[in-house]
């Protein structure tokens, strides 16, 4: 049995490094750049695709090597027409690139990475492309329209802060807001701000804040990071929650160069979390200075008002000095006595008039509904009843006479009507007998019908060889036409026979 060798960690990393450099000494890697950073001229970044990632380093000496920054293959040195390597300064997060280099291991930590020699553009990165597609779609839906964005309330007193309780952005926000404003309540709503579950969590918190209605403004903040770190703020679910919020939303995400879909949708966008606090509240020193200016102005206004009132008081004192209070008092007493007498007289007149009016109303009411009124109504009822009886008798007598007269006239009318009807019947019977088609047949005439049953009135209605039905008074015969004699031929024959 073969016992496998035992290595120290250093030995194992050295052997892996030799193997990687031998097997992957010349490779091209197509990926998307993210988490780009610079340190002492070297560029460090992450190369990623949909399922995996690898670290990359582009050393400063390789960036400046003419062999690698010309349009040549970095391994063979052959010229590649139509392809230009990217300059290190043009490399950005989200770019899709093709990196030429070799794989090596960083032995102290055992991490392997791609040491890049040359970088070529390979189109726009997946995340950057997805960002642009979402931005165009949300723009079409009106998420970024300036006319729908609302101003923040001045110096808000109730602020709902949405961020991670462990985020450095929270400390920056608290540090800046500690010496600003005149006192406000800030409620922290803890949420993840990175990862696949962060966007739905923040969207849910924004909806809950809207349901409670406590806050005057919602603040959404997060510190800086790569495009992947900030991707939760580019999710449509979060942009939709910001768009539908009834409470104004202020965002402060990342640094000055970071702009997310949540920033574009928010009512107000701050470049950093610290600037978000600066937008919400003025510095307290400015408030104290404003308070001092207002206090000084109020003091000046109060002094001017006091001077004005003092002058008016002096004028009133002078005016009172010119008048005699006792004379004015005596005049007021005389006016009071005169008014009192007039009031008593008017009151007596008014009461007398009301008493007379009341007595008149009582008399009119007694006449309208008293016993005498009822006696008169009873007499009128008896009189009307008698008149109604007489009128009824006259009407019945008249109707009886009319009925008797009609009874005498009805037989006469019936006789006249029947006599007229019988005469008209006799006339129509005679007329019908005169038009009876069978009468001429009794005198020797016959009726001839064609094969189709039509009555033959002229010789032209038939022809030789056709059948005819001849009707007599006692029956009929069927014959076939032998010849047809026209009226003019018959007349000629009659004339010839006579001669």
Protein backbone atom coordinates (compact mmCIF):
# COMPACT_ATOMS: atom_id res chain seq x y z
CA UNK A 1 0.00 0.00 0.00
CA UNK A 2 1.41 3.35 -1.09
CA UNK A 3 1.29 6.03 1.56
CA UNK A 4 0.54 9.48 0.06
CA UNK A 5 3.09 12.15 0.78
CA UNK A 6 2.58 14.70 3.54
CA UNK A 7 3.12 18.38 2.70
CA UNK A 8 3.24 21.50 4.70
CA UNK A 9 0.86 24.23 3.63
CA UNK A 10 3.76 26.15 2.10
CA UNK A 11 4.95 23.14 0.15
CA UNK A 12 1.43 22.37 -1.10
CA UNK A 13 0.88 25.94 -2.25
CA UNK A 14 4.27 25.96 -4.00
CA UNK A 15 3.48 22.76 -5.88
CA UNK A 16 0.00 24.03 -6.85
CA UNK A 17 1.56 27.30 -8.02
CA UNK A 18 4.07 25.45 -10.23
CA UNK A 19 1.26 23.30 -11.67
CA UNK A 20 -1.00 26.27 -12.41
CA UNK A 21 1.76 28.30 -14.02
CA UNK A 22 2.68 25.33 -16.18
CA UNK A 23 -0.84 24.32 -17.24
CA UNK A 24 -2.37 27.82 -17.51
CA UNK A 25 0.58 29.92 -18.58
CA UNK A 26 -1.28 31.38 -21.58
CA UNK A 27 -5.02 31.83 -21.19
CA UNK A 28 -7.72 34.20 -22.39
CA UNK A 29 -10.59 34.81 -19.97
CA UNK A 30 -13.85 36.43 -21.05
CA UNK A 31 -15.66 38.00 -18.09
CA UNK A 32 -17.23 41.09 -16.56
CA UNK A 33 -15.17 43.52 -14.46
CA UNK A 34 -16.34 44.40 -10.98
CA UNK A 35 -14.98 45.74 -7.70
CA UNK A 36 -12.23 47.62 -9.55
CA UNK A 37 -9.65 49.31 -7.30
CA UNK A 38 -6.12 50.65 -7.55
CA UNK A 39 -3.26 50.24 -5.14
CA UNK A 40 0.24 51.65 -5.77
CA UNK A 41 -0.40 51.70 -9.52
CA UNK A 42 -1.58 48.08 -9.63
CA UNK A 43 -5.18 47.39 -10.61
CA UNK A 44 -7.13 44.78 -8.65
CA UNK A 45 -10.56 43.60 -9.75
CA UNK A 46 -12.91 40.65 -9.95
CA UNK A 47 -13.64 38.79 -13.17
CA UNK A 48 -17.06 37.16 -13.12
CA UNK A 49 -19.72 35.51 -15.20
CA UNK A 50 -23.21 34.30 -14.31
CA UNK A 51 -21.99 31.44 -12.08
CA UNK A 52 -18.41 32.04 -10.89
CA UNK A 53 -15.70 34.63 -10.33
CA UNK A 54 -11.92 34.89 -10.04
CA UNK A 55 -9.65 37.60 -8.79
CA UNK A 56 -7.48 39.51 -11.22
CA UNK A 57 -4.42 41.74 -10.91
CA UNK A 58 -2.91 43.98 -13.59
CA UNK A 59 0.53 45.00 -12.41
CA UNK A 60 1.82 48.46 -13.21
CA UNK A 61 4.85 47.10 -15.05
CA UNK A 62 2.63 45.03 -17.36
CA UNK A 63 0.40 48.06 -17.99
CA UNK A 64 3.44 50.01 -19.22
CA UNK A 65 4.96 47.18 -21.26
CA UNK A 66 4.77 48.06 -24.97
CA UNK A 67 4.50 44.40 -25.87
CA UNK A 68 1.20 44.15 -24.04
CA UNK A 69 -0.39 47.53 -24.82
CA UNK A 70 0.05 47.28 -28.62
CA UNK A 71 -2.26 45.56 -31.13
CA UNK A 72 -0.30 42.31 -30.87
CA UNK A 73 -1.02 38.95 -29.36
CA UNK A 74 0.64 39.07 -25.91
CA UNK A 75 1.84 35.48 -26.18
CA UNK A 76 2.96 35.08 -29.82
CA UNK A 77 3.69 38.69 -30.66
CA UNK A 78 1.67 38.44 -33.89
CA UNK A 79 -0.12 41.57 -35.11
CA UNK A 80 -3.95 41.49 -34.56
CA UNK A 81 -5.64 43.84 -37.01
CA UNK A 82 -8.82 45.65 -35.92
CA UNK A 83 -8.23 45.04 -32.21
CA UNK A 84 -6.97 47.71 -29.79
CA UNK A 85 -6.05 46.86 -26.21
CA UNK A 86 -7.76 48.86 -23.47
CA UNK A 87 -5.82 51.46 -21.56
CA UNK A 88 -5.76 50.91 -17.79
CA UNK A 89 -7.51 54.26 -17.22
CA UNK A 90 -10.50 53.20 -19.35
CA UNK A 91 -11.27 50.07 -17.31
CA UNK A 92 -14.62 50.39 -15.47
CA UNK A 93 -16.92 48.26 -13.35
CA UNK A 94 -19.48 46.43 -15.46
CA UNK A 95 -17.33 46.27 -18.60
CA UNK A 96 -17.22 43.00 -20.51
CA UNK A 97 -13.58 42.27 -21.33
CA UNK A 98 -11.24 39.58 -22.60
CA UNK A 99 -8.13 39.31 -20.41
CA UNK A 100 -4.92 37.62 -21.50
CA UNK A 101 -2.59 36.34 -18.79
CA UNK A 102 -1.63 33.37 -16.68
CA UNK A 103 -2.96 31.75 -13.54
CA UNK A 104 -0.89 31.89 -10.40
CA UNK A 105 -1.45 31.34 -6.73
CA UNK A 106 -0.85 33.83 -3.96
CA UNK A 107 1.01 31.43 -1.74
CA UNK A 108 0.61 33.18 1.67
CA UNK A 109 -3.19 32.82 1.48
CA UNK A 110 -3.59 30.01 -1.01
CA UNK A 111 -5.78 32.17 -3.30
CA UNK A 112 -5.33 31.75 -7.02
CA UNK A 113 -5.84 34.61 -9.44
CA UNK A 114 -5.32 35.68 -13.02
CA UNK A 115 -2.29 37.88 -13.57
CA UNK A 116 -3.39 40.02 -16.50
CA UNK A 117 -1.03 41.05 -19.30
CA UNK A 118 -3.48 42.58 -21.78
CA UNK A 119 -7.17 43.63 -21.73
CA UNK A 120 -9.49 43.95 -24.69
CA UNK A 121 -13.08 45.20 -24.77
CA UNK A 122 -15.71 42.48 -25.30
CA UNK A 123 -18.89 44.53 -25.26
CA UNK A 124 -20.94 45.86 -22.38
CA UNK A 125 -21.07 43.84 -19.15
CA UNK A 126 -24.14 41.87 -18.17
CA UNK A 127 -24.94 43.92 -15.08
CA UNK A 128 -24.30 47.21 -16.83
CA UNK A 129 -26.44 46.10 -19.77
CA UNK A 130 -29.22 44.98 -17.43
CA UNK A 131 -28.96 48.34 -15.64
CA UNK A 132 -29.44 50.23 -18.91
CA UNK A 133 -32.38 48.04 -19.95
CA UNK A 134 -34.14 48.60 -16.61
CA UNK A 135 -33.39 52.31 -16.72
CA UNK A 136 -35.01 52.62 -20.16
CA UNK A 137 -38.07 50.62 -19.06
CA UNK A 138 -38.60 52.59 -15.83
CA UNK A 139 -38.09 55.85 -17.70
CA UNK A 140 -40.87 54.84 -20.07
CA UNK A 141 -43.13 54.18 -17.05
CA UNK A 142 -42.53 57.70 -15.72
CA UNK A 143 -40.49 56.68 -12.65
CA UNK A 144 -37.92 59.44 -13.24
CA UNK A 145 -40.32 62.25 -14.27
CA UNK A 146 -39.45 65.48 -12.49
CA UNK A 147 -43.07 66.68 -12.36
CA UNK A 148 -44.05 63.80 -10.02
CA UNK A 149 -41.20 64.40 -7.56
CA UNK A 150 -42.10 66.23 -4.34
CA UNK A 151 -40.01 68.61 -2.25
CA UNK A 152 -38.96 67.47 1.22
CA UNK A 153 -40.67 69.09 4.21
CA UNK A 154 -38.49 71.83 5.74
CA UNK A 155 -36.73 70.68 8.92
CA UNK A 156 -38.73 67.42 9.30
CA UNK A 157 -39.47 66.28 12.86
CA UNK A 158 -40.23 62.59 12.10
CA UNK A 159 -37.78 60.71 9.89
CA UNK A 160 -37.85 56.99 8.98
CA UNK A 161 -34.28 55.83 8.27
CA UNK A 162 -33.92 52.60 6.23
CA UNK A 163 -30.45 51.01 6.32
CA UNK A 164 -28.43 48.31 8.06
CA UNK A 165 -27.85 48.80 11.77
CA UNK A 166 -24.22 47.73 11.24
CA UNK A 167 -23.58 49.93 8.20
CA UNK A 168 -20.92 52.60 8.28
CA UNK A 169 -23.40 54.82 6.45
CA UNK A 170 -25.55 54.90 9.60
CA UNK A 171 -22.64 56.25 11.65
CA UNK A 172 -21.91 58.89 9.00
CA UNK A 173 -25.58 59.94 9.00
CA UNK A 174 -25.69 60.14 12.81
CA UNK A 175 -22.41 62.03 13.01
CA UNK A 176 -23.52 64.70 10.53
CA UNK A 177 -27.06 65.00 11.92
CA UNK A 178 -25.87 65.30 15.54
CA UNK A 179 -25.11 69.02 15.18
CA UNK A 180 -27.87 69.88 12.70
CA UNK A 181 -31.54 70.75 13.02
CA UNK A 182 -33.53 71.75 16.08
CA UNK A 183 -34.42 68.28 17.27
CA UNK A 184 -36.10 65.45 15.38
CA UNK A 185 -37.23 61.85 15.97
CA UNK A 186 -35.38 59.36 13.76
CA UNK A 187 -36.66 55.78 13.67
CA UNK A 188 -34.16 53.23 12.36
CA UNK A 189 -35.70 50.45 10.24
CA UNK A 190 -33.01 47.80 10.02
CA UNK A 191 -32.71 46.00 6.69
CA UNK A 192 -30.16 44.14 4.62
CA UNK A 193 -28.65 46.48 2.03
CA UNK A 194 -26.75 43.88 -0.02
CA UNK A 195 -27.66 40.51 -1.48
CA UNK A 196 -30.61 38.96 -3.27
CA UNK A 197 -33.04 39.44 -0.34
CA UNK A 198 -32.11 43.06 0.36
CA UNK A 199 -34.30 44.74 -2.27
CA UNK A 200 -37.56 42.93 -1.29
CA UNK A 201 -36.82 43.61 2.39
CA UNK A 202 -36.31 47.35 1.84
CA UNK A 203 -39.39 47.53 -0.41
CA UNK A 204 -41.49 45.87 2.30
CA UNK A 205 -40.21 48.30 4.95
CA UNK A 206 -41.05 51.31 2.75
CA UNK A 207 -44.61 50.04 2.30
CA UNK A 208 -44.95 49.46 6.06
CA UNK A 209 -43.76 53.01 6.78
CA UNK A 210 -46.39 54.34 4.39
CA UNK A 211 -49.09 52.29 6.12
CA UNK A 212 -48.28 53.68 9.57
CA UNK A 213 -48.18 57.28 8.28
CA UNK A 214 -45.91 58.40 11.12
CA UNK A 215 -42.93 59.68 9.13
CA UNK A 216 -42.70 62.96 7.25
CA UNK A 217 -39.84 61.69 5.06
CA UNK A 218 -38.20 58.32 4.31
CA UNK A 219 -34.39 58.23 4.07
CA UNK A 220 -32.71 55.30 2.28
CA UNK A 221 -28.91 55.20 2.69
CA UNK A 222 -25.97 52.87 2.13
CA UNK A 223 -22.19 53.23 1.89
CA UNK A 224 -20.12 52.84 -1.25
CA UNK A 225 -19.19 49.62 -2.99
CA UNK A 226 -18.90 47.86 -6.30
CA UNK A 227 -21.71 47.54 -8.83
CA UNK A 228 -22.54 44.12 -7.36
CA UNK A 229 -22.58 45.49 -3.80
CA UNK A 230 -25.06 48.20 -4.78
CA UNK A 231 -27.13 46.01 -7.11
CA UNK A 232 -30.00 45.68 -4.62
CA UNK A 233 -30.74 49.37 -5.22
CA UNK A 234 -31.09 48.66 -8.96
CA UNK A 235 -33.85 46.07 -8.47
CA UNK A 236 -37.25 47.02 -9.89
CA UNK A 237 -39.12 45.91 -6.75
CA UNK A 238 -37.33 48.60 -4.71
CA UNK A 239 -37.75 51.26 -7.41
CA UNK A 240 -41.48 50.45 -7.55
CA UNK A 241 -41.83 50.83 -3.76
CA UNK A 242 -40.07 54.23 -3.91
CA UNK A 243 -42.26 55.29 -6.85
CA UNK A 244 -45.51 54.32 -5.07
CA UNK A 245 -44.55 55.84 -1.71
CA UNK A 246 -46.98 58.54 -0.55
CA UNK A 247 -44.23 59.89 1.74
CA UNK A 248 -41.32 61.76 0.07
CA UNK A 249 -38.19 59.60 -0.26
CA UNK A 250 -34.60 60.84 0.08
CA UNK A 251 -31.75 58.54 -1.00
CA UNK A 252 -28.05 58.70 -0.20
CA UNK A 253 -26.42 55.61 -1.70
CA UNK A 254 -22.71 55.05 -2.28
CA UNK A 255 -20.39 57.86 -3.33
CA UNK A 256 -20.62 60.74 -5.78
CA UNK A 257 -20.05 58.51 -8.83
CA UNK A 258 -22.68 55.92 -7.82
CA UNK A 259 -26.17 56.41 -9.23
CA UNK A 260 -28.77 53.67 -8.83
CA UNK A 261 -32.34 53.25 -10.08
CA UNK A 262 -33.56 53.97 -6.54
CA UNK A 263 -31.71 57.33 -6.66
CA UNK A 264 -33.30 58.19 -10.01
CA UNK A 265 -36.80 57.32 -8.73
CA UNK A 266 -36.50 59.08 -5.35
CA UNK A 267 -37.94 62.54 -4.83
CA UNK A 268 -34.52 63.88 -3.77
CA UNK A 269 -31.11 62.25 -4.35
CA UNK A 270 -28.09 62.91 -2.15
CA UNK A 271 -24.59 61.98 -3.31
CA UNK A 272 -23.66 60.33 0.01
CA UNK A 273 -25.34 59.35 3.30
CA UNK A 274 -23.69 62.34 4.95
CA UNK A 275 -25.12 64.70 2.34
CA UNK A 276 -28.57 63.19 2.99
CA UNK A 277 -28.36 64.46 6.59
CA UNK A 278 -27.15 67.84 5.32
CA UNK A 279 -30.17 68.10 2.99
CA UNK A 280 -32.63 67.28 5.78
CA UNK A 281 -31.45 69.76 8.40
CA UNK A 282 -29.51 73.00 8.51
CA UNK A 283 -26.48 73.27 10.80
CA UNK A 284 -27.52 74.11 14.34
CA UNK A 285 -25.06 77.01 14.41
CA UNK A 286 -26.90 78.54 11.43
CA UNK A 287 -30.19 78.06 13.29
CA UNK A 288 -28.80 79.82 16.38
CA UNK A 289 -27.53 82.64 14.21
CA UNK A 290 -30.94 82.91 12.50
CA UNK A 291 -32.61 82.88 15.92
CA UNK A 292 -30.36 85.69 17.12
CA UNK A 293 -31.14 87.76 14.01
CA UNK A 294 -34.88 87.18 14.43
CA UNK A 295 -34.71 88.02 18.15
CA UNK A 296 -32.86 91.24 17.43
CA UNK A 297 -35.39 92.17 14.74
CA UNK A 298 -38.31 91.47 17.09
CA UNK A 299 -36.72 93.66 19.75
CA UNK A 300 -36.39 96.54 17.29
CA UNK A 301 -40.00 96.13 16.18
CA UNK A 302 -41.20 95.98 19.82
CA UNK A 303 -39.30 99.18 20.70
CA UNK A 304 -40.80 100.99 17.68
CA UNK A 305 -44.30 99.84 18.66
CA UNK A 306 -43.76 100.99 22.26
CA UNK A 307 -42.62 104.41 21.04
CA UNK A 308 -45.73 104.68 18.84
CA UNK A 309 -48.10 103.66 21.63
CA UNK A 310 -46.39 106.08 24.03
CA UNK A 311 -46.93 108.97 21.62
CA UNK A 312 -50.60 108.04 21.18
CA UNK A 313 -51.03 107.81 24.96
CA UNK A 314 -49.58 111.28 25.42
CA UNK A 315 -51.99 112.65 22.81
CA UNK A 316 -54.95 111.02 24.57
CA UNK A 317 -53.91 112.47 27.91
CA UNK A 318 -53.82 115.93 26.36
CA UNK A 319 -57.26 115.40 24.79
CA UNK A 320 -58.78 114.26 28.11
CA UNK A 321 -57.29 117.27 29.84
CA UNK A 322 -59.26 119.57 27.49
CA UNK A 323 -62.60 117.89 28.37
CA UNK A 324 -64.61 118.17 31.66
CA UNK A 325 -65.47 114.75 33.03
CA UNK A 326 -68.32 116.09 35.27
CA UNK A 327 -69.96 117.93 32.37
CA UNK A 328 -69.75 114.87 30.19
CA UNK A 329 -71.23 112.80 33.04
CA UNK A 330 -74.19 115.19 33.50
CA UNK A 331 -74.87 115.17 29.77
CA UNK A 332 -74.89 111.37 29.78
CA UNK A 333 -77.40 111.36 32.71
CA UNK A 334 -79.81 113.66 30.85
CA UNK A 335 -79.59 111.51 27.77
CA UNK A 336 -80.26 108.44 29.92
CA UNK A 337 -83.37 109.97 31.54
CA UNK A 338 -84.76 111.10 28.18
CA UNK A 339 -84.16 107.67 26.67
CA UNK A 340 -85.83 105.98 29.65
CA UNK A 341 -89.01 108.11 29.29
CA UNK A 342 -89.16 107.46 25.58
CA UNK A 343 -88.71 103.75 26.21
CA UNK A 344 -91.62 103.69 28.70
CA UNK A 345 -93.92 105.55 26.29
CA UNK A 346 -93.07 103.32 23.40
CA UNK A 347 -93.57 100.23 25.55
CA UNK A 348 -97.08 101.39 26.62
CA UNK A 349 -98.09 102.15 23.03
CA UNK A 350 -96.81 98.79 21.88
CA UNK A 351 -98.67 96.91 24.64
CA UNK A 352 -101.93 98.79 23.90
CA UNK A 353 -101.65 97.99 20.21
CA UNK A 354 -100.97 94.31 20.93
CA UNK A 355 -103.97 94.13 23.33
CA UNK A 356 -106.33 95.65 20.71
CA UNK A 357 -105.02 93.27 18.07
CA UNK A 358 -105.50 90.30 20.41
CA UNK A 359 -109.12 91.32 21.16
CA UNK A 360 -109.83 91.62 17.45
CA UNK A 361 -108.37 88.12 16.86
CA UNK A 362 -110.55 86.69 19.64
CA UNK A 363 -113.67 88.21 18.12
CA UNK A 364 -112.86 86.91 14.65
CA UNK A 365 -112.16 83.45 16.01
CA UNK A 366 -115.51 83.42 17.89
CA UNK A 367 -117.34 84.44 14.69
CA UNK A 368 -115.51 81.77 12.69
CA UNK A 369 -115.89 78.73 14.98
CA UNK A 370 -118.46 79.81 17.67
CA UNK A 371 -122.06 78.48 18.20
CA UNK A 372 -123.55 81.12 15.93
CA UNK A 373 -121.29 79.90 13.14
CA UNK A 374 -122.59 76.35 13.61
CA UNK A 375 -126.26 77.48 13.67
CA UNK A 376 -125.81 79.23 10.33
CA UNK A 377 -124.11 76.15 8.83
CA UNK A 378 -127.00 73.88 9.96
CA UNK A 379 -129.59 76.17 8.34
CA UNK A 380 -127.54 76.21 5.12
CA UNK A 381 -127.29 72.38 5.19
CA UNK A 382 -131.11 71.97 5.52
CA UNK A 383 -131.68 74.47 2.70
CA UNK A 384 -129.17 72.73 0.40
CA UNK A 385 -130.66 69.33 1.19
CA UNK A 386 -134.14 70.54 0.12
CA UNK A 387 -132.78 72.05 -3.08
CA UNK A 388 -130.91 68.82 -3.87
CA UNK A 389 -134.14 66.77 -3.41
CA UNK A 390 -136.12 69.05 -5.72
CA UNK A 391 -133.38 68.97 -8.35
CA UNK A 392 -133.24 65.16 -8.16
CA UNK A 393 -137.01 64.85 -8.69
CA UNK A 394 -136.88 67.21 -11.67
CA UNK A 395 -133.99 65.25 -13.19
CA UNK A 396 -135.81 61.86 -12.72
CA UNK A 397 -139.02 63.24 -14.29
CA UNK A 398 -137.08 64.59 -17.27
CA UNK A 399 -135.28 61.26 -17.82
CA UNK A 400 -138.60 59.35 -17.68
CA UNK A 401 -140.13 61.58 -20.37
CA UNK A 402 -137.02 61.11 -22.56
CA UNK A 403 -137.24 57.29 -22.14
CA UNK A 404 -140.95 57.30 -23.11
CA UNK A 405 -140.25 59.38 -26.22
CA UNK A 406 -137.41 57.03 -27.27
CA UNK A 407 -139.65 53.98 -26.73
CA UNK A 408 -142.13 55.44 -29.24
CA UNK A 409 -139.46 56.37 -31.80
CA UNK A 410 -137.57 53.05 -31.79
CA UNK A 411 -140.23 50.99 -33.73
CA UNK A 412 -140.49 53.74 -36.35
CA UNK A 413 -136.69 53.84 -36.75
CA UNK A 414 -136.48 50.02 -37.06
CA UNK A 415 -139.25 50.01 -39.71
CA UNK A 416 -137.49 52.69 -41.75
CA UNK A 417 -134.16 50.92 -41.51
CA UNK A 418 -135.55 47.50 -42.58
CA UNK A 419 -137.57 49.02 -45.46
CA UNK A 420 -134.40 50.62 -46.86
CA UNK A 421 -132.43 47.38 -46.46
CA UNK A 422 -135.09 45.28 -48.27
CA UNK A 423 -135.19 47.70 -51.20
CA UNK A 424 -131.38 47.60 -51.56
CA UNK A 425 -131.47 43.77 -51.40
CA UNK A 426 -133.99 43.54 -54.25
CA UNK A 427 -131.94 45.93 -56.40
CA UNK A 428 -128.71 43.93 -55.88
CA UNK A 429 -130.56 40.62 -56.55
CA UNK A 430 -131.77 41.94 -59.91
CA UNK A 431 -128.26 43.24 -60.69
CA UNK A 432 -126.70 39.88 -59.79
CA UNK A 433 -129.20 37.99 -62.01
CA UNK A 434 -128.41 40.30 -64.91
CA UNK A 435 -124.69 39.49 -64.59
CA UNK A 436 -125.15 35.71 -64.18
CA UNK A 437 -122.84 34.04 -66.80
CA UNK A 438 -125.22 31.07 -67.13
CA UNK A 439 -128.14 33.16 -68.42
CA UNK A 440 -126.72 33.56 -71.97
CA UNK A 441 -126.10 29.78 -72.07
CA UNK A 442 -129.82 29.20 -71.60
CA UNK A 443 -130.30 31.13 -74.85
CA UNK A 444 -127.92 28.83 -76.76
CA UNK A 445 -124.48 30.31 -76.00
CA UNK A 446 -121.54 28.18 -74.80
CA UNK A 447 -118.27 28.83 -72.87
CA UNK A 448 -114.92 27.64 -74.33
CA UNK A 449 -111.82 27.04 -72.12
CA UNK A 450 -108.27 26.46 -73.24
CA UNK A 451 -105.98 23.60 -72.19
CA UNK A 452 -104.69 25.73 -69.27
CA UNK A 453 -108.27 26.39 -68.06
CA UNK A 454 -108.45 30.03 -69.18
CA UNK A 455 -111.67 31.36 -70.73
CA UNK A 456 -111.27 31.87 -74.51
CA UNK A 457 -112.57 35.26 -75.50
CA UNK A 458 -110.84 35.57 -78.92
CA UNK A 459 -109.89 33.14 -81.67
CA UNK A 460 -106.27 34.22 -81.39
CA UNK A 461 -106.08 32.59 -77.93
CA UNK A 462 -105.98 29.06 -79.52
CA UNK A 463 -104.45 27.31 -82.53
CA UNK A 464 -105.02 24.19 -84.63
CA UNK A 465 -104.22 20.98 -82.76
CA UNK A 466 -104.95 22.40 -79.33
CA UNK A 467 -107.66 21.04 -77.11
CA UNK A 468 -110.64 23.03 -75.90
CA UNK A 469 -113.38 22.35 -73.33
CA UNK A 470 -116.86 23.52 -74.35
CA UNK A 471 -119.39 24.04 -71.56
CA UNK A 472 -123.22 23.79 -72.07
CA UNK A 473 -125.92 24.34 -69.48
CA UNK A 474 -126.33 20.60 -69.05
CA UNK A 475 -122.67 19.51 -69.41
CA UNK A 476 -119.56 19.83 -71.55
CA UNK A 477 -117.49 18.30 -74.36
CA UNK A 478 -113.75 18.17 -75.18
CA UNK A 479 -112.70 18.97 -78.76
CA UNK A 480 -109.54 19.52 -80.78
CA UNK A 481 -109.25 22.67 -82.95
CA UNK A 482 -109.11 21.77 -86.61
CA UNK A 483 -108.66 25.30 -87.95
CA UNK A 484 -108.92 28.89 -86.75
CA UNK A 485 -110.92 31.39 -88.81
CA UNK A 486 -110.05 35.00 -88.26
CA UNK A 487 -112.79 37.59 -88.13
CA UNK A 488 -111.76 39.14 -91.48
CA UNK A 489 -111.78 35.71 -93.24
CA UNK A 490 -115.21 34.88 -91.88
CA UNK A 491 -116.56 38.24 -93.05
CA UNK A 492 -115.12 37.73 -96.62
CA UNK A 493 -116.62 34.23 -96.80
CA UNK A 494 -119.99 35.60 -95.71
CA UNK A 495 -119.81 38.31 -98.39
CA UNK A 496 -118.84 35.79 -101.15
CA UNK A 497 -121.67 33.45 -100.32
CA UNK A 498 -124.16 36.26 -100.56
CA UNK A 499 -123.05 37.29 -104.03
